[in-house]
C-alpha atoms as a PDB file:
ATOM      1  CA  UNK A   1      65.718  24.788  40.754  1.00  0.00           C
ATOM      2  CA  UNK A   2      63.915  22.431  42.250  1.00  0.00           C
ATOM      3  CA  UNK A   3      64.207  19.498  39.920  1.00  0.00           C
ATOM      4  CA  UNK A   4      65.377  16.250  41.628  1.00  0.00           C
ATOM      5  CA  UNK A   5      67.885  16.213  38.976  1.00  0.00           C
ATOM      6  CA  UNK A   6      69.608  19.283  40.729  1.00  0.00           C
ATOM      7  CA  UNK A   7      69.274  17.662  44.048  1.00  0.00           C
ATOM      8  CA  UNK A   8      70.796  14.528  43.352  1.00  0.00           C
ATOM      9  CA  UNK A   9      73.739  16.508  42.048  1.00  0.00           C
ATOM     10  CA  UNK A  10      74.065  18.466  45.148  1.00  0.00           C
ATOM     11  CA  UNK A  11      74.150  15.094  46.956  1.00  0.00           C
ATOM     12  CA  UNK A  12      76.899  13.690  45.101  1.00  0.00           C
ATOM     13  CA  UNK A  13      79.093  16.788  45.283  1.00  0.00           C
ATOM     14  CA  UNK A  14      78.275  16.562  48.689  1.00  0.00           C
ATOM     15  CA  UNK A  15      79.434  12.708  49.111  1.00  0.00           C
ATOM     16  CA  UNK A  16      82.457  13.182  46.535  1.00  0.00           C
ATOM     17  CA  UNK A  17      83.361  16.518  47.836  1.00  0.00           C
ATOM     18  CA  UNK A  18      82.963  16.269  51.214  1.00  0.00           C
ATOM     19  CA  UNK A  19      84.020  12.888  51.591  1.00  0.00           C
ATOM     20  CA  UNK A  20      87.344  13.243  49.729  1.00  0.00           C
ATOM     21  CA  UNK A  21      88.224  16.179  51.965  1.00  0.00           C
ATOM     22  CA  UNK A  22      87.557  14.047  55.129  1.00  0.00           C
ATOM     23  CA  UNK A  23      89.571  10.976  53.756  1.00  0.00           C
ATOM     24  CA  UNK A  24      92.440  13.478  52.960  1.00  0.00           C
ATOM     25  CA  UNK A  25      92.526  14.929  56.298  1.00  0.00           C
ATOM     26  CA  UNK A  26      92.225  11.848  58.475  1.00  0.00           C
ATOM     27  CA  UNK A  27      94.790  10.185  56.619  1.00  0.00           C
ATOM     28  CA  UNK A  28      97.337  13.470  57.445  1.00  0.00           C
ATOM     29  CA  UNK A  29      96.073  13.189  61.080  1.00  0.00           C
ATOM     30  CA  UNK A  30      96.384   9.509  61.407  1.00  0.00           C
ATOM     31  CA  UNK A  31      99.938   9.985  60.533  1.00  0.00           C
ATOM     32  CA  UNK A  32     100.305  12.885  63.058  1.00  0.00           C
ATOM     33  CA  UNK A  33      98.548  10.554  65.550  1.00  0.00           C
ATOM     34  CA  UNK A  34      95.524  12.928  65.961  1.00  0.00           C
ATOM     35  CA  UNK A  35      92.354  11.713  66.929  1.00  0.00           C
ATOM     36  CA  UNK A  36      89.137  12.488  64.612  1.00  0.00           C
ATOM     37  CA  UNK A  37      86.075  13.529  66.485  1.00  0.00           C
ATOM     38  CA  UNK A  38      82.209  14.139  65.150  1.00  0.00           C
ATOM     39  CA  UNK A  39      82.757  17.855  64.472  1.00  0.00           C
ATOM     40  CA  UNK A  40      85.205  17.013  62.014  1.00  0.00           C
ATOM     41  CA  UNK A  41      82.420  14.772  60.238  1.00  0.00           C
ATOM     42  CA  UNK A  42      80.111  17.470  60.632  1.00  0.00           C
ATOM     43  CA  UNK A  43      82.537  20.290  59.074  1.00  0.00           C
ATOM     44  CA  UNK A  44      83.297  18.257  56.035  1.00  0.00           C
ATOM     45  CA  UNK A  45      79.430  17.719  55.070  1.00  0.00           C
ATOM     46  CA  UNK A  46      78.672  21.253  55.898  1.00  0.00           C
ATOM     47  CA  UNK A  47      81.570  22.157  53.513  1.00  0.00           C
ATOM     48  CA  UNK A  48      80.618  19.715  51.036  1.00  0.00           C
ATOM     49  CA  UNK A  49      77.107  20.534  50.989  1.00  0.00           C
ATOM     50  CA  UNK A  50      78.035  24.720  50.733  1.00  0.00           C
ATOM     51  CA  UNK A  51      80.245  23.811  47.684  1.00  0.00           C
ATOM     52  CA  UNK A  52      77.561  21.268  46.208  1.00  0.00           C
ATOM     53  CA  UNK A  53      75.047  24.231  46.666  1.00  0.00           C
ATOM     54  CA  UNK A  54      76.992  26.969  45.171  1.00  0.00           C
ATOM     55  CA  UNK A  55      78.490  24.851  42.136  1.00  0.00           C
ATOM     56  CA  UNK A  56      75.383  23.287  41.058  1.00  0.00           C
ATOM     57  CA  UNK A  57      72.893  26.128  41.536  1.00  0.00           C
ATOM     58  CA  UNK A  58      75.635  28.889  40.555  1.00  0.00           C
ATOM     59  CA  UNK A  59      73.703  32.262  41.413  1.00  0.00           C
ATOM     60  CA  UNK A  60      70.282  30.835  41.711  1.00  0.00           C
ATOM     61  CA  UNK A  61      72.125  29.811  45.244  1.00  0.00           C
ATOM     62  CA  UNK A  62      71.318  33.731  46.481  1.00  0.00           C
ATOM     63  CA  UNK A  63      68.060  33.609  45.806  1.00  0.00           C
ATOM     64  CA  UNK A  64      65.172  33.724  48.627  1.00  0.00           C
ATOM     65  CA  UNK A  65      64.427  29.994  49.315  1.00  0.00           C
ATOM     66  CA  UNK A  66      67.631  28.794  48.781  1.00  0.00           C
ATOM     67  CA  UNK A  67      69.884  31.268  50.442  1.00  0.00           C
ATOM     68  CA  UNK A  68      68.979  30.134  53.815  1.00  0.00           C
ATOM     69  CA  UNK A  69      70.682  26.349  53.089  1.00  0.00           C
ATOM     70  CA  UNK A  70      73.577  28.278  51.841  1.00  0.00           C
ATOM     71  CA  UNK A  71      73.692  30.585  55.053  1.00  0.00           C
ATOM     72  CA  UNK A  72      73.017  27.658  57.052  1.00  0.00           C
ATOM     73  CA  UNK A  73      75.917  25.761  55.558  1.00  0.00           C
ATOM     74  CA  UNK A  74      78.372  28.521  56.108  1.00  0.00           C
ATOM     75  CA  UNK A  75      77.328  29.003  59.935  1.00  0.00           C
ATOM     76  CA  UNK A  76      77.568  25.182  60.605  1.00  0.00           C
ATOM     77  CA  UNK A  77      81.349  25.332  58.764  1.00  0.00           C
ATOM     78  CA  UNK A  78      82.013  28.137  60.963  1.00  0.00           C
ATOM     79  CA  UNK A  79      80.679  26.157  64.092  1.00  0.00           C
ATOM     80  CA  UNK A  80      82.233  23.132  63.610  1.00  0.00           C
ATOM     81  CA  UNK A  81      85.552  23.904  61.695  1.00  0.00           C
ATOM     82  CA  UNK A  82      86.339  27.336  62.997  1.00  0.00           C
ATOM     83  CA  UNK A  83      88.820  26.314  65.985  1.00  0.00           C
ATOM     84  CA  UNK A  84      92.473  25.323  65.254  1.00  0.00           C
ATOM     85  CA  UNK A  85      93.776  21.930  66.445  1.00  0.00           C
ATOM     86  CA  UNK A  86      95.326  22.154  69.940  1.00  0.00           C
ATOM     87  CA  UNK A  87      98.609  20.143  70.862  1.00  0.00           C
ATOM     88  CA  UNK A  88      96.768  18.857  73.543  1.00  0.00           C
ATOM     89  CA  UNK A  89      94.316  16.983  70.851  1.00  0.00           C
ATOM     90  CA  UNK A  90      97.074  15.120  69.847  1.00  0.00           C
ATOM     91  CA  UNK A  91      97.681  11.588  71.341  1.00  0.00           C
ATOM     92  CA  UNK A  92     101.313  10.182  72.839  1.00  0.00           C
ATOM     93  CA  UNK A  93     103.212   8.374  70.603  1.00  0.00           C
END
């Protein structure tokens, strides 16, 4: 569980999954003329971390030392991304 190879795989999953989701959202929001914030970057970072931990470690992610990271990533997702986009966040065209 604590091998370097597993953590490198988690880091790659965070970068690939979170980065691709961020780029997809950036492209859509740029077309709608909506500005992105640091909360969006953190949201996709936490989302990638959650995805990487659960994909690489499977059921081991729910054992005692690793479950804290999973819960922390989940709380980060809820705090940074748990708000809908308001129409006031759109910049005028």
